[in-house]
Amino acid sequence: ASAVRRAAEAFADWRERPLAERCEIVGRAAEVLRDGLEEY
């Protein structure tokens, strides 16, 4: 329950981030995945 509340607090900030910034972070996840491909 505490984790859900923290997620709600994070949402208040994340929704205000520029869309370009959100897209950039999601794009970086692709790099992390490919760098750790064998491990995952």
PDB file of all heavy atoms in Angstrom:
ATOM      1  N   ALA A   1       0.829  -1.207   0.000  1.00  0.00           N
ATOM      2  CA  ALA A   1       0.000   0.000   0.000  1.00  0.00           C
ATOM      3  C   ALA A   1       0.865   1.259   0.000  1.00  0.00           C
ATOM      4  O   ALA A   1       0.562   2.246  -0.691  1.00  0.00           O
ATOM      5  CB  ALA A   1      -0.940  -0.001   1.196  1.00  0.00           C
ATOM      6  N   SER A   2       1.952   1.239   0.745  1.00  0.00           N
ATOM      7  CA  SER A   2       2.866   2.383   0.768  1.00  0.00           C
ATOM      8  C   SER A   2       3.509   2.598  -0.598  1.00  0.00           C
ATOM      9  O   SER A   2       3.703   3.739  -1.041  1.00  0.00           O
ATOM     10  CB  SER A   2       3.950   2.167   1.826  1.00  0.00           C
ATOM     11  OG  SER A   2       3.397   2.142   3.132  1.00  0.00           O
ATOM     12  N   ALA A   3       3.826   1.493  -1.275  1.00  0.00           N
ATOM     13  CA  ALA A   3       4.424   1.600  -2.606  1.00  0.00           C
ATOM     14  C   ALA A   3       3.444   2.228  -3.590  1.00  0.00           C
ATOM     15  O   ALA A   3       3.840   3.013  -4.467  1.00  0.00           O
ATOM     16  CB  ALA A   3       4.849   0.222  -3.096  1.00  0.00           C
ATOM     17  N   VAL A   4       2.166   1.889  -3.472  1.00  0.00           N
ATOM     18  CA  VAL A   4       1.163   2.505  -4.343  1.00  0.00           C
ATOM     19  C   VAL A   4       1.070   3.999  -4.078  1.00  0.00           C
ATOM     20  O   VAL A   4       0.990   4.814  -5.016  1.00  0.00           O
ATOM     21  CB  VAL A   4      -0.214   1.826  -4.150  1.00  0.00           C
ATOM     22  CG1 VAL A   4      -1.282   2.544  -4.970  1.00  0.00           C
ATOM     23  CG2 VAL A   4      -0.153   0.357  -4.553  1.00  0.00           C
ATOM     24  N   ARG A   5       1.110   4.386  -2.818  1.00  0.00           N
ATOM     25  CA  ARG A   5       1.063   5.821  -2.489  1.00  0.00           C
ATOM     26  C   ARG A   5       2.279   6.554  -3.053  1.00  0.00           C
ATOM     27  O   ARG A   5       2.164   7.679  -3.569  1.00  0.00           O
ATOM     28  CB  ARG A   5       0.967   6.020  -0.973  1.00  0.00           C
ATOM     29  CG  ARG A   5      -0.420   5.686  -0.404  1.00  0.00           C
ATOM     30  CD  ARG A   5      -0.563   6.209   1.014  1.00  0.00           C
ATOM     31  NE  ARG A   5       0.322   5.510   1.949  1.00  0.00           N
ATOM     32  CZ  ARG A   5       0.017   4.391   2.576  1.00  0.00           C
ATOM     33  NH1 ARG A   5      -1.165   3.810   2.366  1.00  0.00           N
ATOM     34  NH2 ARG A   5       0.865   3.834   3.426  1.00  0.00           N
ATOM     35  N   ARG A   6       3.456   5.928  -2.962  1.00  0.00           N
ATOM     36  CA  ARG A   6       4.656   6.553  -3.524  1.00  0.00           C
ATOM     37  C   ARG A   6       4.538   6.677  -5.042  1.00  0.00           C
ATOM     38  O   ARG A   6       4.999   7.664  -5.636  1.00  0.00           O
ATOM     39  CB  ARG A   6       5.899   5.739  -3.153  1.00  0.00           C
ATOM     40  CG  ARG A   6       6.309   5.873  -1.695  1.00  0.00           C
ATOM     41  CD  ARG A   6       7.719   5.337  -1.472  1.00  0.00           C
ATOM     42  NE  ARG A   6       7.831   3.921  -1.788  1.00  0.00           N
ATOM     43  CZ  ARG A   6       7.569   2.943  -0.928  1.00  0.00           C
ATOM     44  NH1 ARG A   6       7.165   3.217   0.307  1.00  0.00           N
ATOM     45  NH2 ARG A   6       7.720   1.682  -1.290  1.00  0.00           N
ATOM     46  N   ALA A   7       3.932   5.676  -5.677  1.00  0.00           N
ATOM     47  CA  ALA A   7       3.725   5.741  -7.125  1.00  0.00           C
ATOM     48  C   ALA A   7       2.808   6.911  -7.484  1.00  0.00           C
ATOM     49  O   ALA A   7       3.034   7.610  -8.487  1.00  0.00           O
ATOM     50  CB  ALA A   7       3.134   4.430  -7.637  1.00  0.00           C
ATOM     51  N   ALA A   8       1.776   7.128  -6.671  1.00  0.00           N
ATOM     52  CA  ALA A   8       0.871   8.251  -6.920  1.00  0.00           C
ATOM     53  C   ALA A   8       1.608   9.584  -6.787  1.00  0.00           C
ATOM     54  O   ALA A   8       1.369  10.524  -7.568  1.00  0.00           O
ATOM     55  CB  ALA A   8      -0.309   8.190  -5.960  1.00  0.00           C
ATOM     56  N   GLU A   9       2.507   9.674  -5.821  1.00  0.00           N
ATOM     57  CA  GLU A   9       3.309  10.899  -5.663  1.00  0.00           C
ATOM     58  C   GLU A   9       4.245  11.079  -6.862  1.00  0.00           C
ATOM     59  O   GLU A   9       4.437  12.207  -7.351  1.00  0.00           O
ATOM     60  CB  GLU A   9       4.103  10.821  -4.363  1.00  0.00           C
ATOM     61  CG  GLU A   9       3.244  10.865  -3.110  1.00  0.00           C
ATOM     62  CD  GLU A   9       4.007  10.488  -1.845  1.00  0.00           C
ATOM     63  OE1 GLU A   9       5.226  10.210  -1.959  1.00  0.00           O
ATOM     64  OE2 GLU A   9       3.390  10.455  -0.763  1.00  0.00           O
ATOM     65  N   ALA A  10       4.808   9.965  -7.340  1.00  0.00           N
ATOM     66  CA  ALA A  10       5.687  10.041  -8.510  1.00  0.00           C
ATOM     67  C   ALA A  10       4.908  10.466  -9.749  1.00  0.00           C
ATOM     68  O   ALA A  10       5.426  11.201 -10.611  1.00  0.00           O
ATOM     69  CB  ALA A  10       6.354   8.687  -8.749  1.00  0.00           C
ATOM     70  N   PHE A  11       3.660  10.031  -9.850  1.00  0.00           N
ATOM     71  CA  PHE A  11       2.824  10.405 -10.990  1.00  0.00           C
ATOM     72  C   PHE A  11       2.643  11.912 -11.073  1.00  0.00           C
ATOM     73  O   PHE A  11       2.666  12.501 -12.162  1.00  0.00           O
ATOM     74  CB  PHE A  11       1.464   9.707 -10.889  1.00  0.00           C
ATOM     75  CG  PHE A  11       0.428  10.246 -11.838  1.00  0.00           C
ATOM     76  CD1 PHE A  11       0.584  10.109 -13.212  1.00  0.00           C
ATOM     77  CD2 PHE A  11      -0.706  10.887 -11.358  1.00  0.00           C
ATOM     78  CE1 PHE A  11      -0.379  10.609 -14.091  1.00  0.00           C
ATOM     79  CE2 PHE A  11      -1.660  11.392 -12.231  1.00  0.00           C
ATOM     80  CZ  PHE A  11      -1.497  11.251 -13.594  1.00  0.00           C
ATOM     81  N   ALA A  12       2.470  12.560  -9.931  1.00  0.00           N
ATOM     82  CA  ALA A  12       2.262  14.009  -9.919  1.00  0.00           C
ATOM     83  C   ALA A  12       3.424  14.732 -10.588  1.00  0.00           C
ATOM     84  O   ALA A  12       3.237  15.766 -11.256  1.00  0.00           O
ATOM     85  CB  ALA A  12       2.071  14.494  -8.487  1.00  0.00           C
ATOM     86  N   ASP A  13       4.634  14.192 -10.434  1.00  0.00           N
ATOM     87  CA  ASP A  13       5.811  14.782 -11.081  1.00  0.00           C
ATOM     88  C   ASP A  13       5.958  14.306 -12.521  1.00  0.00           C
ATOM     89  O   ASP A  13       6.195  15.104 -13.437  1.00  0.00           O
ATOM     90  CB  ASP A  13       7.063  14.424 -10.282  1.00  0.00           C
ATOM     91  CG  ASP A  13       8.341  14.762 -11.032  1.00  0.00           C
ATOM     92  OD1 ASP A  13       8.605  15.953 -11.240  1.00  0.00           O
ATOM     93  OD2 ASP A  13       9.062  13.817 -11.445  1.00  0.00           O
ATOM     94  N   TRP A  14       5.815  12.998 -12.733  1.00  0.00           N
ATOM     95  CA  TRP A  14       6.067  12.417 -14.057  1.00  0.00           C
ATOM     96  C   TRP A  14       5.132  12.987 -15.120  1.00  0.00           C
ATOM     97  O   TRP A  14       5.549  13.246 -16.246  1.00  0.00           O
ATOM     98  CB  TRP A  14       5.932  10.902 -13.968  1.00  0.00           C
ATOM     99  CG  TRP A  14       6.173  10.160 -15.241  1.00  0.00           C
ATOM    100  CD1 TRP A  14       5.259   9.445 -15.959  1.00  0.00           C
ATOM    101  CD2 TRP A  14       7.412  10.030 -15.951  1.00  0.00           C
ATOM    102  NE1 TRP A  14       5.841   8.886 -17.070  1.00  0.00           N
ATOM    103  CE2 TRP A  14       7.174   9.236 -17.079  1.00  0.00           C
ATOM    104  CE3 TRP A  14       8.692  10.526 -15.721  1.00  0.00           C
ATOM    105  CZ2 TRP A  14       8.163   8.918 -17.993  1.00  0.00           C
ATOM    106  CZ3 TRP A  14       9.693  10.209 -16.633  1.00  0.00           C
ATOM    107  CH2 TRP A  14       9.425   9.417 -17.755  1.00  0.00           C
ATOM    108  N   ARG A  15       3.880  13.214 -14.789  1.00  0.00           N
ATOM    109  CA  ARG A  15       2.923  13.715 -15.781  1.00  0.00           C
ATOM    110  C   ARG A  15       3.294  15.114 -16.261  1.00  0.00           C
ATOM    111  O   ARG A  15       2.897  15.529 -17.363  1.00  0.00           O
ATOM    112  CB  ARG A  15       1.512  13.734 -15.198  1.00  0.00           C
ATOM    113  CG  ARG A  15       1.284  14.752 -14.090  1.00  0.00           C
ATOM    114  CD  ARG A  15      -0.161  14.751 -13.619  1.00  0.00           C
ATOM    115  NE  ARG A  15      -1.083  15.027 -14.719  1.00  0.00           N
ATOM    116  CZ  ARG A  15      -2.406  14.943 -14.626  1.00  0.00           C
ATOM    117  NH1 ARG A  15      -2.973  14.552 -13.487  1.00  0.00           N
ATOM    118  NH2 ARG A  15      -3.166  15.223 -15.661  1.00  0.00           N
ATOM    119  N   GLU A  16       4.060  15.855 -15.431  1.00  0.00           N
ATOM    120  CA  GLU A  16       4.462  17.216 -15.796  1.00  0.00           C
ATOM    121  C   GLU A  16       5.761  17.243 -16.607  1.00  0.00           C
ATOM    122  O   GLU A  16       6.113  18.294 -17.152  1.00  0.00           O
ATOM    123  CB  GLU A  16       4.629  18.074 -14.536  1.00  0.00           C
ATOM    124  CG  GLU A  16       3.363  18.229 -13.713  1.00  0.00           C
ATOM    125  CD  GLU A  16       2.243  18.909 -14.486  1.00  0.00           C
ATOM    126  OE1 GLU A  16       2.545  19.761 -15.347  1.00  0.00           O
ATOM    127  OE2 GLU A  16       1.057  18.573 -14.241  1.00  0.00           O
ATOM    128  N   ARG A  17       6.451  16.105 -16.669  1.00  0.00           N
ATOM    129  CA  ARG A  17       7.674  16.081 -17.465  1.00  0.00           C
ATOM    130  C   ARG A  17       7.316  16.291 -18.936  1.00  0.00           C
ATOM    131  O   ARG A  17       6.294  15.777 -19.422  1.00  0.00           O
ATOM    132  CB  ARG A  17       8.396  14.737 -17.323  1.00  0.00           C
ATOM    133  CG  ARG A  17       8.819  14.387 -15.899  1.00  0.00           C
ATOM    134  CD  ARG A  17      10.057  15.134 -15.470  1.00  0.00           C
ATOM    135  NE  ARG A  17      10.507  14.693 -14.152  1.00  0.00           N
ATOM    136  CZ  ARG A  17      11.527  13.871 -13.943  1.00  0.00           C
ATOM    137  NH1 ARG A  17      12.215  13.384 -14.959  1.00  0.00           N
ATOM    138  NH2 ARG A  17      11.860  13.537 -12.705  1.00  0.00           N
ATOM    139  N   PRO A  18       8.129  17.011 -19.692  1.00  0.00           N
ATOM    140  CA  PRO A  18       7.853  17.165 -21.126  1.00  0.00           C
ATOM    141  C   PRO A  18       7.744  15.800 -21.805  1.00  0.00           C
ATOM    142  O   PRO A  18       8.479  14.860 -21.467  1.00  0.00           O
ATOM    143  CB  PRO A  18       9.067  17.952 -21.637  1.00  0.00           C
ATOM    144  CG  PRO A  18       9.595  18.660 -20.431  1.00  0.00           C
ATOM    145  CD  PRO A  18       9.338  17.741 -19.268  1.00  0.00           C
ATOM    146  N   LEU A  19       6.855  15.706 -22.765  1.00  0.00           N
ATOM    147  CA  LEU A  19       6.655  14.441 -23.469  1.00  0.00           C
ATOM    148  C   LEU A  19       7.951  13.962 -24.100  1.00  0.00           C
ATOM    149  O   LEU A  19       8.254  12.762 -24.096  1.00  0.00           O
ATOM    150  CB  LEU A  19       5.564  14.605 -24.526  1.00  0.00           C
ATOM    151  CG  LEU A  19       5.235  13.404 -25.408  1.00  0.00           C
ATOM    152  CD1 LEU A  19       4.909  12.166 -24.575  1.00  0.00           C
ATOM    153  CD2 LEU A  19       4.077  13.736 -26.349  1.00  0.00           C
ATOM    154  N   ALA A  20       8.743  14.883 -24.616  1.00  0.00           N
ATOM    155  CA  ALA A  20      10.016  14.498 -25.234  1.00  0.00           C
ATOM    156  C   ALA A  20      10.935  13.825 -24.215  1.00  0.00           C
ATOM    157  O   ALA A  20      11.652  12.869 -24.544  1.00  0.00           O
ATOM    158  CB  ALA A  20      10.698  15.721 -25.832  1.00  0.00           C
ATOM    159  N   GLU A  21      10.906  14.293 -22.979  1.00  0.00           N
ATOM    160  CA  GLU A  21      11.738  13.687 -21.936  1.00  0.00           C
ATOM    161  C   GLU A  21      11.240  12.291 -21.595  1.00  0.00           C
ATOM    162  O   GLU A  21      12.050  11.362 -21.420  1.00  0.00           O
ATOM    163  CB  GLU A  21      11.734  14.577 -20.686  1.00  0.00           C
ATOM    164  CG  GLU A  21      12.598  14.024 -19.569  1.00  0.00           C
ATOM    165  CD  GLU A  21      12.549  14.872 -18.307  1.00  0.00           C
ATOM    166  OE1 GLU A  21      12.089  16.028 -18.381  1.00  0.00           O
ATOM    167  OE2 GLU A  21      12.957  14.363 -17.236  1.00  0.00           O
ATOM    168  N   ARG A  22       9.932  12.142 -21.504  1.00  0.00           N
ATOM    169  CA  ARG A  22       9.385  10.808 -21.218  1.00  0.00           C
ATOM    170  C   ARG A  22       9.758   9.828 -22.330  1.00  0.00           C
ATOM    171  O   ARG A  22      10.149   8.679 -22.067  1.00  0.00           O
ATOM    172  CB  ARG A  22       7.863  10.888 -21.048  1.00  0.00           C
ATOM    173  CG  ARG A  22       7.414  11.811 -19.930  1.00  0.00           C
ATOM    174  CD  ARG A  22       6.003  11.518 -19.477  1.00  0.00           C
ATOM    175  NE  ARG A  22       4.996  11.603 -20.508  1.00  0.00           N
ATOM    176  CZ  ARG A  22       4.163  12.631 -20.709  1.00  0.00           C
ATOM    177  NH1 ARG A  22       4.265  13.723 -19.937  1.00  0.00           N
ATOM    178  NH2 ARG A  22       3.245  12.597 -21.650  1.00  0.00           N
ATOM    179  N   CYS A  23       9.648  10.270 -23.573  1.00  0.00           N
ATOM    180  CA  CYS A  23      10.001   9.402 -24.692  1.00  0.00           C
ATOM    181  C   CYS A  23      11.488   9.041 -24.676  1.00  0.00           C
ATOM    182  O   CYS A  23      11.869   7.900 -24.975  1.00  0.00           O
ATOM    183  CB  CYS A  23       9.647  10.080 -26.014  1.00  0.00           C
ATOM    184  SG  CYS A  23       7.865  10.187 -26.342  1.00  0.00           S
ATOM    185  N   GLU A  24      12.313   9.997 -24.295  1.00  0.00           N
ATOM    186  CA  GLU A  24      13.751   9.745 -24.251  1.00  0.00           C
ATOM    187  C   GLU A  24      14.086   8.666 -23.228  1.00  0.00           C
ATOM    188  O   GLU A  24      14.897   7.758 -23.489  1.00  0.00           O
ATOM    189  CB  GLU A  24      14.489  11.033 -23.912  1.00  0.00           C
ATOM    190  CG  GLU A  24      16.004  10.871 -23.895  1.00  0.00           C
ATOM    191  CD  GLU A  24      16.732  12.141 -23.494  1.00  0.00           C
ATOM    192  OE1 GLU A  24      16.063  13.180 -23.322  1.00  0.00           O
ATOM    193  OE2 GLU A  24      17.971  12.083 -23.356  1.00  0.00           O
ATOM    194  N   ILE A  25      13.461   8.719 -22.059  1.00  0.00           N
ATOM    195  CA  ILE A  25      13.735   7.719 -21.023  1.00  0.00           C
ATOM    196  C   ILE A  25      13.249   6.341 -21.457  1.00  0.00           C
ATOM    197  O   ILE A  25      13.941   5.334 -21.263  1.00  0.00           O
ATOM    198  CB  ILE A  25      13.093   8.159 -19.693  1.00  0.00           C
ATOM    199  CG1 ILE A  25      13.877   9.342 -19.119  1.00  0.00           C
ATOM    200  CG2 ILE A  25      13.054   7.006 -18.691  1.00  0.00           C
ATOM    201  CD1 ILE A  25      13.260   9.965 -17.890  1.00  0.00           C
ATOM    202  N   VAL A  26      12.077   6.282 -22.072  1.00  0.00           N
ATOM    203  CA  VAL A  26      11.578   4.995 -22.574  1.00  0.00           C
ATOM    204  C   VAL A  26      12.508   4.461 -23.657  1.00  0.00           C
ATOM    205  O   VAL A  26      12.785   3.254 -23.727  1.00  0.00           O
ATOM    206  CB  VAL A  26      10.132   5.141 -23.088  1.00  0.00           C
ATOM    207  CG1 VAL A  26       9.683   3.883 -23.838  1.00  0.00           C
ATOM    208  CG2 VAL A  26       9.180   5.420 -21.923  1.00  0.00           C
ATOM    209  N   GLY A  27      13.024   5.330 -24.489  1.00  0.00           N
ATOM    210  CA  GLY A  27      13.990   4.902 -25.501  1.00  0.00           C
ATOM    211  C   GLY A  27      15.267   4.367 -24.886  1.00  0.00           C
ATOM    212  O   GLY A  27      15.867   3.411 -25.395  1.00  0.00           O
ATOM    213  N   ARG A  28      15.702   4.978 -23.777  1.00  0.00           N
ATOM    214  CA  ARG A  28      16.925   4.493 -23.115  1.00  0.00           C
ATOM    215  C   ARG A  28      16.733   3.097 -22.546  1.00  0.00           C
ATOM    216  O   ARG A  28      17.703   2.334 -22.415  1.00  0.00           O
ATOM    217  CB  ARG A  28      17.356   5.470 -22.023  1.00  0.00           C
ATOM    218  CG  ARG A  28      18.103   6.682 -22.557  1.00  0.00           C
ATOM    219  CD  ARG A  28      19.057   7.262 -21.511  1.00  0.00           C
ATOM    220  NE  ARG A  28      18.362   7.737 -20.327  1.00  0.00           N
ATOM    221  CZ  ARG A  28      17.917   8.988 -20.167  1.00  0.00           C
ATOM    222  NH1 ARG A  28      18.063   9.873 -21.125  1.00  0.00           N
ATOM    223  NH2 ARG A  28      17.318   9.331 -19.045  1.00  0.00           N
ATOM    224  N   ALA A  29      15.506   2.760 -22.178  1.00  0.00           N
ATOM    225  CA  ALA A  29      15.253   1.402 -21.676  1.00  0.00           C
ATOM    226  C   ALA A  29      15.618   0.357 -22.725  1.00  0.00           C
ATOM    227  O   ALA A  29      16.082  -0.738 -22.387  1.00  0.00           O
ATOM    228  CB  ALA A  29      13.795   1.255 -21.257  1.00  0.00           C
ATOM    229  N   ALA A  30      15.427   0.701 -24.003  1.00  0.00           N
ATOM    230  CA  ALA A  30      15.812  -0.226 -25.075  1.00  0.00           C
ATOM    231  C   ALA A  30      17.313  -0.482 -25.043  1.00  0.00           C
ATOM    232  O   ALA A  30      17.781  -1.620 -25.238  1.00  0.00           O
ATOM    233  CB  ALA A  30      15.387   0.332 -26.429  1.00  0.00           C
ATOM    234  N   GLU A  31      18.096   0.561 -24.794  1.00  0.00           N
ATOM    235  CA  GLU A  31      19.549   0.404 -24.720  1.00  0.00           C
ATOM    236  C   GLU A  31      19.940  -0.474 -23.533  1.00  0.00           C
ATOM    237  O   GLU A  31      20.832  -1.326 -23.640  1.00  0.00           O
ATOM    238  CB  GLU A  31      20.201   1.779 -24.594  1.00  0.00           C
ATOM    239  CG  GLU A  31      19.938   2.711 -25.764  1.00  0.00           C
ATOM    240  CD  GLU A  31      20.471   4.110 -25.508  1.00  0.00           C
ATOM    241  OE1 GLU A  31      21.288   4.276 -24.570  1.00  0.00           O
ATOM    242  OE2 GLU A  31      20.076   5.035 -26.242  1.00  0.00           O
ATOM    243  N   VAL A  32      19.278  -0.254 -22.386  1.00  0.00           N
ATOM    244  CA  VAL A  32      19.579  -1.061 -21.195  1.00  0.00           C
ATOM    245  C   VAL A  32      19.271  -2.531 -21.479  1.00  0.00           C
ATOM    246  O   VAL A  32      20.045  -3.437 -21.109  1.00  0.00           O
ATOM    247  CB  VAL A  32      18.776  -0.552 -19.984  1.00  0.00           C
ATOM    248  CG1 VAL A  32      19.004  -1.460 -18.770  1.00  0.00           C
ATOM    249  CG2 VAL A  32      19.148   0.886 -19.649  1.00  0.00           C
ATOM    250  N   LEU A  33      18.151  -2.773 -22.118  1.00  0.00           N
ATOM    251  CA  LEU A  33      17.763  -4.152 -22.431  1.00  0.00           C
ATOM    252  C   LEU A  33      18.787  -4.818 -23.346  1.00  0.00           C
ATOM    253  O   LEU A  33      19.189  -5.963 -23.123  1.00  0.00           O
ATOM    254  CB  LEU A  33      16.387  -4.170 -23.088  1.00  0.00           C
ATOM    255  CG  LEU A  33      15.199  -3.951 -22.154  1.00  0.00           C
ATOM    256  CD1 LEU A  33      13.954  -3.557 -22.939  1.00  0.00           C
ATOM    257  CD2 LEU A  33      14.921  -5.204 -21.327  1.00  0.00           C
ATOM    258  N   ARG A  34      19.212  -4.114 -24.366  1.00  0.00           N
ATOM    259  CA  ARG A  34      20.163  -4.716 -25.307  1.00  0.00           C
ATOM    260  C   ARG A  34      21.535  -4.910 -24.665  1.00  0.00           C
ATOM    261  O   ARG A  34      22.216  -5.900 -24.945  1.00  0.00           O
ATOM    262  CB  ARG A  34      20.256  -3.863 -26.568  1.00  0.00           C
ATOM    263  CG  ARG A  34      18.969  -3.917 -27.409  1.00  0.00           C
ATOM    264  CD  ARG A  34      19.237  -3.663 -28.885  1.00  0.00           C
ATOM    265  NE  ARG A  34      18.051  -4.031 -29.663  1.00  0.00           N
ATOM    266  CZ  ARG A  34      17.113  -3.186 -30.071  1.00  0.00           C
ATOM    267  NH1 ARG A  34      17.225  -1.899 -29.757  1.00  0.00           N
ATOM    268  NH2 ARG A  34      16.083  -3.591 -30.772  1.00  0.00           N
ATOM    269  N   ASP A  35      21.921  -3.980 -23.805  1.00  0.00           N
ATOM    270  CA  ASP A  35      23.205  -4.139 -23.111  1.00  0.00           C
ATOM    271  C   ASP A  35      23.197  -5.359 -22.189  1.00  0.00           C
ATOM    272  O   ASP A  35      24.224  -6.016 -22.004  1.00  0.00           O
ATOM    273  CB  ASP A  35      23.522  -2.887 -22.288  1.00  0.00           C
ATOM    274  CG  ASP A  35      23.908  -1.696 -23.162  1.00  0.00           C
ATOM    275  OD1 ASP A  35      24.215  -1.909 -24.346  1.00  0.00           O
ATOM    276  OD2 ASP A  35      23.875  -0.560 -22.648  1.00  0.00           O
ATOM    277  N   GLY A  36      22.040  -5.661 -21.597  1.00  0.00           N
ATOM    278  CA  GLY A  36      21.950  -6.790 -20.669  1.00  0.00           C
ATOM    279  C   GLY A  36      21.263  -8.006 -21.247  1.00  0.00           C
ATOM    280  O   GLY A  36      20.784  -8.866 -20.495  1.00  0.00           O
ATOM    281  N   LEU A  37      21.230  -8.103 -22.584  1.00  0.00           N
ATOM    282  CA  LEU A  37      20.445  -9.146 -23.254  1.00  0.00           C
ATOM    283  C   LEU A  37      20.758 -10.539 -22.735  1.00  0.00           C
ATOM    284  O   LEU A  37      19.839 -11.311 -22.402  1.00  0.00           O
ATOM    285  CB  LEU A  37      20.666  -9.066 -24.770  1.00  0.00           C
ATOM    286  CG  LEU A  37      19.824 -10.010 -25.635  1.00  0.00           C
ATOM    287  CD1 LEU A  37      19.484  -9.350 -26.968  1.00  0.00           C
ATOM    288  CD2 LEU A  37      20.566 -11.324 -25.903  1.00  0.00           C
ATOM    289  N   GLU A  38      22.008 -10.896 -22.651  1.00  0.00           N
ATOM    290  CA  GLU A  38      22.358 -12.261 -22.236  1.00  0.00           C
ATOM    291  C   GLU A  38      21.924 -12.528 -20.799  1.00  0.00           C
ATOM    292  O   GLU A  38      21.419 -13.613 -20.478  1.00  0.00           O
ATOM    293  CB  GLU A  38      23.859 -12.492 -22.394  1.00  0.00           C
ATOM    294  CG  GLU A  38      24.316 -12.638 -23.830  1.00  0.00           C
ATOM    295  CD  GLU A  38      23.680 -13.840 -24.540  1.00  0.00           C
ATOM    296  OE1 GLU A  38      23.404 -14.860 -23.869  1.00  0.00           O
ATOM    297  OE2 GLU A  38      23.468 -13.745 -25.756  1.00  0.00           O
ATOM    298  N   GLU A  39      22.119 -11.548 -19.925  1.00  0.00           N
ATOM    299  CA  GLU A  39      21.741 -11.714 -18.518  1.00  0.00           C
ATOM    300  C   GLU A  39      20.230 -11.905 -18.382  1.00  0.00           C
ATOM    301  O   GLU A  39      19.759 -12.809 -17.674  1.00  0.00           O
ATOM    302  CB  GLU A  39      22.175 -10.477 -17.735  1.00  0.00           C
ATOM    303  CG  GLU A  39      21.692 -10.445 -16.287  1.00  0.00           C
ATOM    304  CD  GLU A  39      21.905  -9.098 -15.637  1.00  0.00           C
ATOM    305  OE1 GLU A  39      22.627  -8.244 -16.217  1.00  0.00           O
ATOM    306  OE2 GLU A  39      21.334  -8.883 -14.547  1.00  0.00           O
ATOM    307  N   TYR A  40      19.454 -11.066 -19.066  1.00  0.00           N
ATOM    308  CA  TYR A  40      18.000 -11.149 -18.948  1.00  0.00           C
ATOM    309  C   TYR A  40      17.455 -12.423 -19.608  1.00  0.00           C
ATOM    310  O   TYR A  40      16.530 -13.058 -19.092  1.00  0.00           O
ATOM    311  CB  TYR A  40      17.348  -9.914 -19.571  1.00  0.00           C
ATOM    312  CG  TYR A  40      17.795  -8.612 -18.964  1.00  0.00           C
ATOM    313  CD1 TYR A  40      18.157  -7.533 -19.765  1.00  0.00           C
ATOM    314  CD2 TYR A  40      17.878  -8.455 -17.580  1.00  0.00           C
ATOM    315  CE1 TYR A  40      18.575  -6.326 -19.214  1.00  0.00           C
ATOM    316  CE2 TYR A  40      18.308  -7.256 -17.019  1.00  0.00           C
ATOM    317  CZ  TYR A  40      18.655  -6.201 -17.840  1.00  0.00           C
ATOM    318  OH  TYR A  40      19.075  -5.013 -17.295  1.00  0.00           O
TER     319      TYR A  40
END
